[in-house]
Amino acid sequence: QVQLVESGGGLVQAGGSLRLSCAASGRTFSRYAMGWFRQA
């Protein structure tokens, strides 16, 4: 079982930058493919 917690979102002006993080639980994280999706 893996639990994922995202952070780093917020409000930014066009042209700006953000860095999102996704912290995963579990000792086998290195064996997981990871992805980012979005929904407007």
PDB file of all heavy atoms in Angstrom:
ATOM      1  N   GLN A   1       0.836  -1.183   0.000  1.00  0.00           N
ATOM      2  CA  GLN A   1       0.000   0.000   0.000  1.00  0.00           C
ATOM      3  C   GLN A   1       0.877   1.240   0.000  1.00  0.00           C
ATOM      4  O   GLN A   1       1.859   1.317   0.749  1.00  0.00           O
ATOM      5  CB  GLN A   1      -0.903   0.002   1.234  1.00  0.00           C
ATOM      6  CG  GLN A   1      -1.992   1.046   1.198  1.00  0.00           C
ATOM      7  CD  GLN A   1      -3.146   0.657   0.301  1.00  0.00           C
ATOM      8  OE1 GLN A   1      -3.176  -0.446  -0.236  1.00  0.00           O
ATOM      9  NE2 GLN A   1      -4.082   1.548   0.106  1.00  0.00           N
ATOM     10  N   VAL A   2       0.522   2.194  -0.825  1.00  0.00           N
ATOM     11  CA  VAL A   2       1.269   3.454  -0.930  1.00  0.00           C
ATOM     12  C   VAL A   2       0.305   4.596  -0.702  1.00  0.00           C
ATOM     13  O   VAL A   2      -0.788   4.627  -1.267  1.00  0.00           O
ATOM     14  CB  VAL A   2       1.922   3.594  -2.321  1.00  0.00           C
ATOM     15  CG1 VAL A   2       2.571   4.964  -2.469  1.00  0.00           C
ATOM     16  CG2 VAL A   2       2.955   2.488  -2.540  1.00  0.00           C
ATOM     17  N   GLN A   3       0.707   5.525   0.124  1.00  0.00           N
ATOM     18  CA  GLN A   3      -0.071   6.747   0.319  1.00  0.00           C
ATOM     19  C   GLN A   3       0.704   7.913  -0.266  1.00  0.00           C
ATOM     20  O   GLN A   3       1.911   8.021  -0.078  1.00  0.00           O
ATOM     21  CB  GLN A   3      -0.359   6.966   1.801  1.00  0.00           C
ATOM     22  CG  GLN A   3      -1.298   5.922   2.389  1.00  0.00           C
ATOM     23  CD  GLN A   3      -1.672   6.214   3.824  1.00  0.00           C
ATOM     24  OE1 GLN A   3      -0.874   6.747   4.580  1.00  0.00           O
ATOM     25  NE2 GLN A   3      -2.884   5.860   4.195  1.00  0.00           N
ATOM     26  N   LEU A   4      -0.023   8.774  -0.965  1.00  0.00           N
ATOM     27  CA  LEU A   4       0.584   9.904  -1.666  1.00  0.00           C
ATOM     28  C   LEU A   4      -0.011  11.208  -1.157  1.00  0.00           C
ATOM     29  O   LEU A   4      -1.234  11.325  -1.047  1.00  0.00           O
ATOM     30  CB  LEU A   4       0.345   9.783  -3.168  1.00  0.00           C
ATOM     31  CG  LEU A   4       0.802   8.476  -3.819  1.00  0.00           C
ATOM     32  CD1 LEU A   4       0.328   8.414  -5.267  1.00  0.00           C
ATOM     33  CD2 LEU A   4       2.307   8.321  -3.742  1.00  0.00           C
ATOM     34  N   VAL A   5       0.854  12.176  -0.880  1.00  0.00           N
ATOM     35  CA  VAL A   5       0.401  13.477  -0.407  1.00  0.00           C
ATOM     36  C   VAL A   5       1.072  14.560  -1.236  1.00  0.00           C
ATOM     37  O   VAL A   5       2.296  14.720  -1.201  1.00  0.00           O
ATOM     38  CB  VAL A   5       0.725  13.687   1.083  1.00  0.00           C
ATOM     39  CG1 VAL A   5       0.255  15.064   1.534  1.00  0.00           C
ATOM     40  CG2 VAL A   5       0.072  12.595   1.931  1.00  0.00           C
ATOM     41  N   GLU A   6       0.242  15.303  -1.967  1.00  0.00           N
ATOM     42  CA  GLU A   6       0.753  16.390  -2.793  1.00  0.00           C
ATOM     43  C   GLU A   6       0.830  17.695  -1.997  1.00  0.00           C
ATOM     44  O   GLU A   6       0.047  17.913  -1.069  1.00  0.00           O
ATOM     45  CB  GLU A   6      -0.155  16.627  -4.016  1.00  0.00           C
ATOM     46  CG  GLU A   6      -0.335  15.443  -4.921  1.00  0.00           C
ATOM     47  CD  GLU A   6      -1.607  14.681  -4.633  1.00  0.00           C
ATOM     48  OE1 GLU A   6      -2.089  14.750  -3.478  1.00  0.00           O
ATOM     49  OE2 GLU A   6      -2.131  14.007  -5.541  1.00  0.00           O
ATOM     50  N   SER A   7       1.747  18.547  -2.404  1.00  0.00           N
ATOM     51  CA  SER A   7       1.859  19.879  -1.819  1.00  0.00           C
ATOM     52  C   SER A   7       2.508  20.800  -2.844  1.00  0.00           C
ATOM     53  O   SER A   7       3.028  20.342  -3.859  1.00  0.00           O
ATOM     54  CB  SER A   7       2.684  19.846  -0.532  1.00  0.00           C
ATOM     55  OG  SER A   7       4.007  19.409  -0.796  1.00  0.00           O
ATOM     56  N   GLY A   8       2.466  22.094  -2.554  1.00  0.00           N
ATOM     57  CA  GLY A   8       3.131  23.062  -3.414  1.00  0.00           C
ATOM     58  C   GLY A   8       2.233  23.840  -4.335  1.00  0.00           C
ATOM     59  O   GLY A   8       2.689  24.737  -5.047  1.00  0.00           O
ATOM     60  N   GLY A   9       0.958  23.511  -4.347  1.00  0.00           N
ATOM     61  CA  GLY A   9       0.039  24.262  -5.191  1.00  0.00           C
ATOM     62  C   GLY A   9      -0.199  25.657  -4.638  1.00  0.00           C
ATOM     63  O   GLY A   9       0.227  25.999  -3.540  1.00  0.00           O
ATOM     64  N   GLY A  10      -0.892  26.462  -5.432  1.00  0.00           N
ATOM     65  CA  GLY A  10      -1.194  27.812  -4.992  1.00  0.00           C
ATOM     66  C   GLY A  10      -1.615  28.690  -6.147  1.00  0.00           C
ATOM     67  O   GLY A  10      -1.911  28.207  -7.237  1.00  0.00           O
ATOM     68  N   LEU A  11      -1.625  29.984  -5.857  1.00  0.00           N
ATOM     69  CA  LEU A  11      -2.009  30.991  -6.843  1.00  0.00           C
ATOM     70  C   LEU A  11      -0.749  31.672  -7.362  1.00  0.00           C
ATOM     71  O   LEU A  11       0.085  32.130  -6.574  1.00  0.00           O
ATOM     72  CB  LEU A  11      -2.943  32.016  -6.208  1.00  0.00           C
ATOM     73  CG  LEU A  11      -3.321  33.229  -7.063  1.00  0.00           C
ATOM     74  CD1 LEU A  11      -4.112  32.798  -8.288  1.00  0.00           C
ATOM     75  CD2 LEU A  11      -4.096  34.223  -6.222  1.00  0.00           C
ATOM     76  N   VAL A  12      -0.619  31.744  -8.676  1.00  0.00           N
ATOM     77  CA  VAL A  12       0.561  32.357  -9.285  1.00  0.00           C
ATOM     78  C   VAL A  12       0.130  33.123 -10.531  1.00  0.00           C
ATOM     79  O   VAL A  12      -0.860  32.763 -11.173  1.00  0.00           O
ATOM     80  CB  VAL A  12       1.619  31.291  -9.627  1.00  0.00           C
ATOM     81  CG1 VAL A  12       1.097  30.319 -10.677  1.00  0.00           C
ATOM     82  CG2 VAL A  12       2.937  31.914 -10.040  1.00  0.00           C
ATOM     83  N   GLN A  13       0.852  34.167 -10.851  1.00  0.00           N
ATOM     84  CA  GLN A  13       0.550  34.928 -12.060  1.00  0.00           C
ATOM     85  C   GLN A  13       1.098  34.191 -13.282  1.00  0.00           C
ATOM     86  O   GLN A  13       2.067  33.422 -13.189  1.00  0.00           O
ATOM     87  CB  GLN A  13       1.158  36.319 -11.983  1.00  0.00           C
ATOM     88  CG  GLN A  13       0.463  37.240 -10.989  1.00  0.00           C
ATOM     89  CD  GLN A  13       0.986  38.665 -11.074  1.00  0.00           C
ATOM     90  OE1 GLN A  13       2.121  38.909 -11.449  1.00  0.00           O
ATOM     91  NE2 GLN A  13       0.127  39.607 -10.719  1.00  0.00           N
ATOM     92  N   ALA A  14       0.488  34.457 -14.409  1.00  0.00           N
ATOM     93  CA  ALA A  14       0.961  33.878 -15.661  1.00  0.00           C
ATOM     94  C   ALA A  14       2.437  34.215 -15.856  1.00  0.00           C
ATOM     95  O   ALA A  14       2.868  35.341 -15.591  1.00  0.00           O
ATOM     96  CB  ALA A  14       0.141  34.406 -16.829  1.00  0.00           C
ATOM     97  N   GLY A  15       3.190  33.226 -16.294  1.00  0.00           N
ATOM     98  CA  GLY A  15       4.620  33.385 -16.463  1.00  0.00           C
ATOM     99  C   GLY A  15       5.427  32.973 -15.252  1.00  0.00           C
ATOM    100  O   GLY A  15       6.658  32.858 -15.332  1.00  0.00           O
ATOM    101  N   GLY A  16       4.750  32.746 -14.150  1.00  0.00           N
ATOM    102  CA  GLY A  16       5.429  32.356 -12.931  1.00  0.00           C
ATOM    103  C   GLY A  16       5.720  30.875 -12.868  1.00  0.00           C
ATOM    104  O   GLY A  16       5.471  30.120 -13.823  1.00  0.00           O
ATOM    105  N   SER A  17       6.227  30.452 -11.712  1.00  0.00           N
ATOM    106  CA  SER A  17       6.637  29.061 -11.515  1.00  0.00           C
ATOM    107  C   SER A  17       6.102  28.521 -10.198  1.00  0.00           C
ATOM    108  O   SER A  17       5.895  29.273  -9.248  1.00  0.00           O
ATOM    109  CB  SER A  17       8.167  28.949 -11.512  1.00  0.00           C
ATOM    110  OG  SER A  17       8.724  29.353 -12.733  1.00  0.00           O
ATOM    111  N   LEU A  18       5.906  27.226 -10.176  1.00  0.00           N
ATOM    112  CA  LEU A  18       5.573  26.494  -8.962  1.00  0.00           C
ATOM    113  C   LEU A  18       6.275  25.149  -9.021  1.00  0.00           C
ATOM    114  O   LEU A  18       6.493  24.604 -10.114  1.00  0.00           O
ATOM    115  CB  LEU A  18       4.064  26.262  -8.834  1.00  0.00           C
ATOM    116  CG  LEU A  18       3.171  27.422  -8.403  1.00  0.00           C
ATOM    117  CD1 LEU A  18       1.703  26.993  -8.508  1.00  0.00           C
ATOM    118  CD2 LEU A  18       3.484  27.874  -6.993  1.00  0.00           C
ATOM    119  N   ARG A  19       6.583  24.615  -7.873  1.00  0.00           N
ATOM    120  CA  ARG A  19       7.085  23.248  -7.807  1.00  0.00           C
ATOM    121  C   ARG A  19       6.163  22.428  -6.919  1.00  0.00           C
ATOM    122  O   ARG A  19       6.015  22.707  -5.731  1.00  0.00           O
ATOM    123  CB  ARG A  19       8.511  23.182  -7.264  1.00  0.00           C
ATOM    124  CG  ARG A  19       9.084  21.767  -7.375  1.00  0.00           C
ATOM    125  CD  ARG A  19      10.517  21.656  -6.913  1.00  0.00           C
ATOM    126  NE  ARG A  19      10.644  21.583  -5.459  1.00  0.00           N
ATOM    127  CZ  ARG A  19      11.679  21.060  -4.830  1.00  0.00           C
ATOM    128  NH1 ARG A  19      12.703  20.571  -5.527  1.00  0.00           N
ATOM    129  NH2 ARG A  19      11.724  21.052  -3.512  1.00  0.00           N
ATOM    130  N   LEU A  20       5.551  21.434  -7.515  1.00  0.00           N
ATOM    131  CA  LEU A  20       4.707  20.516  -6.772  1.00  0.00           C
ATOM    132  C   LEU A  20       5.547  19.358  -6.253  1.00  0.00           C
ATOM    133  O   LEU A  20       6.474  18.904  -6.928  1.00  0.00           O
ATOM    134  CB  LEU A  20       3.586  19.975  -7.657  1.00  0.00           C
ATOM    135  CG  LEU A  20       2.686  21.006  -8.329  1.00  0.00           C
ATOM    136  CD1 LEU A  20       1.569  20.294  -9.095  1.00  0.00           C
ATOM    137  CD2 LEU A  20       2.129  22.003  -7.354  1.00  0.00           C
ATOM    138  N   SER A  21       5.197  18.914  -5.067  1.00  0.00           N
ATOM    139  CA  SER A  21       5.852  17.749  -4.468  1.00  0.00           C
ATOM    140  C   SER A  21       4.802  16.687  -4.173  1.00  0.00           C
ATOM    141  O   SER A  21       3.655  17.008  -3.870  1.00  0.00           O
ATOM    142  CB  SER A  21       6.557  18.129  -3.167  1.00  0.00           C
ATOM    143  OG  SER A  21       7.552  19.102  -3.387  1.00  0.00           O
ATOM    144  N   CYS A  22       5.219  15.465  -4.261  1.00  0.00           N
ATOM    145  CA  CYS A  22       4.353  14.344  -3.916  1.00  0.00           C
ATOM    146  C   CYS A  22       5.163  13.412  -3.022  1.00  0.00           C
ATOM    147  O   CYS A  22       6.086  12.740  -3.495  1.00  0.00           O
ATOM    148  CB  CYS A  22       3.878  13.632  -5.166  1.00  0.00           C
ATOM    149  SG  CYS A  22       2.953  12.102  -4.844  1.00  0.00           S
ATOM    150  N   ALA A  23       4.816  13.400  -1.761  1.00  0.00           N
ATOM    151  CA  ALA A  23       5.519  12.557  -0.801  1.00  0.00           C
ATOM    152  C   ALA A  23       4.806  11.216  -0.701  1.00  0.00           C
ATOM    153  O   ALA A  23       3.593  11.171  -0.504  1.00  0.00           O
ATOM    154  CB  ALA A  23       5.568  13.233   0.555  1.00  0.00           C
ATOM    155  N   ALA A  24       5.578  10.150  -0.830  1.00  0.00           N
ATOM    156  CA  ALA A  24       5.009   8.803  -0.810  1.00  0.00           C
ATOM    157  C   ALA A  24       5.442   8.056   0.436  1.00  0.00           C
ATOM    158  O   ALA A  24       6.578   8.186   0.889  1.00  0.00           O
ATOM    159  CB  ALA A  24       5.457   8.042  -2.050  1.00  0.00           C
ATOM    160  N   SER A  25       4.526   7.283   0.962  1.00  0.00           N
ATOM    161  CA  SER A  25       4.863   6.400   2.069  1.00  0.00           C
ATOM    162  C   SER A  25       5.378   5.090   1.505  1.00  0.00           C
ATOM    163  O   SER A  25       5.214   4.793   0.330  1.00  0.00           O
ATOM    164  CB  SER A  25       3.638   6.148   2.939  1.00  0.00           C
ATOM    165  OG  SER A  25       2.679   5.427   2.190  1.00  0.00           O
ATOM    166  N   GLY A  26       5.987   4.282   2.330  1.00  0.00           N
ATOM    167  CA  GLY A  26       6.416   2.967   1.863  1.00  0.00           C
ATOM    168  C   GLY A  26       7.887   2.902   1.553  1.00  0.00           C
ATOM    169  O   GLY A  26       8.472   3.868   1.072  1.00  0.00           O
ATOM    170  N   ARG A  27       8.478   1.726   1.809  1.00  0.00           N
ATOM    171  CA  ARG A  27       9.913   1.571   1.641  1.00  0.00           C
ATOM    172  C   ARG A  27      10.306   1.160   0.232  1.00  0.00           C
ATOM    173  O   ARG A  27      11.481   1.114  -0.084  1.00  0.00           O
ATOM    174  CB  ARG A  27      10.423   0.528   2.629  1.00  0.00           C
ATOM    175  CG  ARG A  27      10.335   0.974   4.072  1.00  0.00           C
ATOM    176  CD  ARG A  27      10.687  -0.158   5.017  1.00  0.00           C
ATOM    177  NE  ARG A  27       9.679  -1.203   4.993  1.00  0.00           N
ATOM    178  CZ  ARG A  27       9.747  -2.303   5.711  1.00  0.00           C
ATOM    179  NH1 ARG A  27      10.792  -2.532   6.472  1.00  0.00           N
ATOM    180  NH2 ARG A  27       8.787  -3.199   5.661  1.00  0.00           N
ATOM    181  N   THR A  28       9.314   0.869  -0.633  1.00  0.00           N
ATOM    182  CA  THR A  28       9.640   0.423  -1.984  1.00  0.00           C
ATOM    183  C   THR A  28       9.347   1.490  -3.022  1.00  0.00           C
ATOM    184  O   THR A  28       9.120   1.182  -4.184  1.00  0.00           O
ATOM    185  CB  THR A  28       8.857  -0.855  -2.319  1.00  0.00           C
ATOM    186  OG1 THR A  28       7.455  -0.578  -2.211  1.00  0.00           O
ATOM    187  CG2 THR A  28       9.250  -1.993  -1.413  1.00  0.00           C
ATOM    188  N   PHE A  29       9.393   2.746  -2.609  1.00  0.00           N
ATOM    189  CA  PHE A  29       9.081   3.854  -3.522  1.00  0.00           C
ATOM    190  C   PHE A  29       9.906   3.776  -4.792  1.00  0.00           C
ATOM    191  O   PHE A  29       9.421   4.091  -5.878  1.00  0.00           O
ATOM    192  CB  PHE A  29       9.325   5.181  -2.811  1.00  0.00           C
ATOM    193  CG  PHE A  29       9.191   6.381  -3.715  1.00  0.00           C
ATOM    194  CD1 PHE A  29       7.939   6.850  -4.066  1.00  0.00           C
ATOM    195  CD2 PHE A  29      10.305   7.035  -4.211  1.00  0.00           C
ATOM    196  CE1 PHE A  29       7.802   7.957  -4.898  1.00  0.00           C
ATOM    197  CE2 PHE A  29      10.184   8.136  -5.041  1.00  0.00           C
ATOM    198  CZ  PHE A  29       8.927   8.607  -5.385  1.00  0.00           C
ATOM    199  N   SER A  30      11.159   3.376  -4.681  1.00  0.00           N
ATOM    200  CA  SER A  30      12.045   3.347  -5.841  1.00  0.00           C
ATOM    201  C   SER A  30      11.582   2.372  -6.914  1.00  0.00           C
ATOM    202  O   SER A  30      12.076   2.412  -8.035  1.00  0.00           O
ATOM    203  CB  SER A  30      13.472   3.004  -5.419  1.00  0.00           C
ATOM    204  OG  SER A  30      13.517   1.716  -4.840  1.00  0.00           O
ATOM    205  N   ARG A  31      10.641   1.513  -6.588  1.00  0.00           N
ATOM    206  CA  ARG A  31      10.115   0.544  -7.551  1.00  0.00           C
ATOM    207  C   ARG A  31       8.789   0.963  -8.161  1.00  0.00           C
ATOM    208  O   ARG A  31       8.129   0.156  -8.817  1.00  0.00           O
ATOM    209  CB  ARG A  31       9.944  -0.813  -6.874  1.00  0.00           C
ATOM    210  CG  ARG A  31      11.263  -1.524  -6.628  1.00  0.00           C
ATOM    211  CD  ARG A  31      11.939  -1.882  -7.929  1.00  0.00           C
ATOM    212  NE  ARG A  31      13.187  -2.603  -7.731  1.00  0.00           N
ATOM    213  CZ  ARG A  31      13.966  -3.021  -8.717  1.00  0.00           C
ATOM    214  NH1 ARG A  31      13.613  -2.791  -9.968  1.00  0.00           N
ATOM    215  NH2 ARG A  31      15.090  -3.652  -8.462  1.00  0.00           N
ATOM    216  N   TYR A  32       8.416   2.207  -7.957  1.00  0.00           N
ATOM    217  CA  TYR A  32       7.139   2.695  -8.470  1.00  0.00           C
ATOM    218  C   TYR A  32       7.361   3.707  -9.586  1.00  0.00           C
ATOM    219  O   TYR A  32       8.147   4.652  -9.435  1.00  0.00           O
ATOM    220  CB  TYR A  32       6.315   3.342  -7.358  1.00  0.00           C
ATOM    221  CG  TYR A  32       5.675   2.336  -6.445  1.00  0.00           C
ATOM    222  CD1 TYR A  32       6.403   1.696  -5.452  1.00  0.00           C
ATOM    223  CD2 TYR A  32       4.329   2.004  -6.592  1.00  0.00           C
ATOM    224  CE1 TYR A  32       5.819   0.751  -4.630  1.00  0.00           C
ATOM    225  CE2 TYR A  32       3.736   1.060  -5.765  1.00  0.00           C
ATOM    226  CZ  TYR A  32       4.489   0.439  -4.794  1.00  0.00           C
ATOM    227  OH  TYR A  32       3.906  -0.496  -3.986  1.00  0.00           O
ATOM    228  N   ALA A  33       6.656   3.523 -10.687  1.00  0.00           N
ATOM    229  CA  ALA A  33       6.558   4.578 -11.685  1.00  0.00           C
ATOM    230  C   ALA A  33       5.579   5.621 -11.156  1.00  0.00           C
ATOM    231  O   ALA A  33       4.582   5.278 -10.512  1.00  0.00           O
ATOM    232  CB  ALA A  33       6.058   4.006 -13.009  1.00  0.00           C
ATOM    233  N   MET A  34       5.875   6.873 -11.435  1.00  0.00           N
ATOM    234  CA  MET A  34       5.076   7.964 -10.899  1.00  0.00           C
ATOM    235  C   MET A  34       4.541   8.841 -12.023  1.00  0.00           C
ATOM    236  O   MET A  34       5.187   8.988 -13.077  1.00  0.00           O
ATOM    237  CB  MET A  34       5.918   8.820  -9.952  1.00  0.00           C
ATOM    238  CG  MET A  34       6.549   8.053  -8.798  1.00  0.00           C
ATOM    239  SD  MET A  34       5.316   7.321  -7.697  1.00  0.00           S
ATOM    240  CE  MET A  34       4.555   8.796  -7.011  1.00  0.00           C
ATOM    241  N   GLY A  35       3.394   9.425 -11.772  1.00  0.00           N
ATOM    242  CA  GLY A  35       2.807  10.298 -12.775  1.00  0.00           C
ATOM    243  C   GLY A  35       2.108  11.486 -12.135  1.00  0.00           C
ATOM    244  O   GLY A  35       1.746  11.450 -10.953  1.00  0.00           O
ATOM    245  N   TRP A  36       1.955  12.519 -12.932  1.00  0.00           N
ATOM    246  CA  TRP A  36       1.153  13.685 -12.544  1.00  0.00           C
ATOM    247  C   TRP A  36       0.022  13.844 -13.559  1.00  0.00           C
ATOM    248  O   TRP A  36       0.236  13.751 -14.775  1.00  0.00           O
ATOM    249  CB  TRP A  36       1.999  14.960 -12.552  1.00  0.00           C
ATOM    250  CG  TRP A  36       2.942  15.082 -11.404  1.00  0.00           C
ATOM    251  CD1 TRP A  36       4.268  14.744 -11.386  1.00  0.00           C
ATOM    252  CD2 TRP A  36       2.641  15.584 -10.097  1.00  0.00           C
ATOM    253  NE1 TRP A  36       4.803  14.998 -10.154  1.00  0.00           N
ATOM    254  CE2 TRP A  36       3.831  15.528  -9.337  1.00  0.00           C
ATOM    255  CE3 TRP A  36       1.487  16.085  -9.480  1.00  0.00           C
ATOM    256  CZ2 TRP A  36       3.905  15.942  -8.009  1.00  0.00           C
ATOM    257  CZ3 TRP A  36       1.565  16.497  -8.164  1.00  0.00           C
ATOM    258  CH2 TRP A  36       2.761  16.428  -7.445  1.00  0.00           C
ATOM    259  N   PHE A  37      -1.162  14.074 -13.025  1.00  0.00           N
ATOM    260  CA  PHE A  37      -2.347  14.330 -13.832  1.00  0.00           C
ATOM    261  C   PHE A  37      -2.981  15.622 -13.337  1.00  0.00           C
ATOM    262  O   PHE A  37      -2.662  16.100 -12.246  1.00  0.00           O
ATOM    263  CB  PHE A  37      -3.341  13.175 -13.706  1.00  0.00           C
ATOM    264  CG  PHE A  37      -2.861  11.896 -14.325  1.00  0.00           C
ATOM    265  CD1 PHE A  37      -1.912  11.111 -13.695  1.00  0.00           C
ATOM    266  CD2 PHE A  37      -3.350  11.464 -15.553  1.00  0.00           C
ATOM    267  CE1 PHE A  37      -1.438   9.934 -14.274  1.00  0.00           C
ATOM    268  CE2 PHE A  37      -2.903  10.288 -16.137  1.00  0.00           C
ATOM    269  CZ  PHE A  37      -1.951   9.530 -15.489  1.00  0.00           C
ATOM    270  N   ARG A  38      -3.885  16.171 -14.124  1.00  0.00           N
ATOM    271  CA  ARG A  38      -4.595  17.360 -13.686  1.00  0.00           C
ATOM    272  C   ARG A  38      -6.030  17.328 -14.170  1.00  0.00           C
ATOM    273  O   ARG A  38      -6.342  16.685 -15.173  1.00  0.00           O
ATOM    274  CB  ARG A  38      -3.897  18.625 -14.168  1.00  0.00           C
ATOM    275  CG  ARG A  38      -3.879  18.812 -15.679  1.00  0.00           C
ATOM    276  CD  ARG A  38      -3.009  20.006 -16.053  1.00  0.00           C
ATOM    277  NE  ARG A  38      -2.965  20.220 -17.495  1.00  0.00           N
ATOM    278  CZ  ARG A  38      -2.175  21.108 -18.091  1.00  0.00           C
ATOM    279  NH1 ARG A  38      -1.359  21.880 -17.354  1.00  0.00           N
ATOM    280  NH2 ARG A  38      -2.188  21.242 -19.404  1.00  0.00           N
ATOM    281  N   GLN A  39      -6.871  18.013 -13.438  1.00  0.00           N
ATOM    282  CA  GLN A  39      -8.276  18.099 -13.816  1.00  0.00           C
ATOM    283  C   GLN A  39      -8.770  19.511 -13.593  1.00  0.00           C
ATOM    284  O   GLN A  39      -8.761  20.013 -12.460  1.00  0.00           O
ATOM    285  CB  GLN A  39      -9.117  17.108 -13.018  1.00  0.00           C
ATOM    286  CG  GLN A  39     -10.548  17.016 -13.490  1.00  0.00           C
ATOM    287  CD  GLN A  39     -11.266  15.814 -12.916  1.00  0.00           C
ATOM    288  OE1 GLN A  39     -10.854  15.225 -11.914  1.00  0.00           O
ATOM    289  NE2 GLN A  39     -12.353  15.419 -13.552  1.00  0.00           N
ATOM    290  N   ALA A  40      -9.170  20.136 -14.676  1.00  0.00           N
ATOM    291  CA  ALA A  40      -9.733  21.479 -14.623  1.00  0.00           C
ATOM    292  C   ALA A  40     -11.242  21.371 -14.455  1.00  0.00           C
ATOM    293  O   ALA A  40     -11.842  20.353 -14.808  1.00  0.00           O
ATOM    294  CB  ALA A  40      -9.389  22.232 -15.899  1.00  0.00           C
TER     295      ALA A  40
END
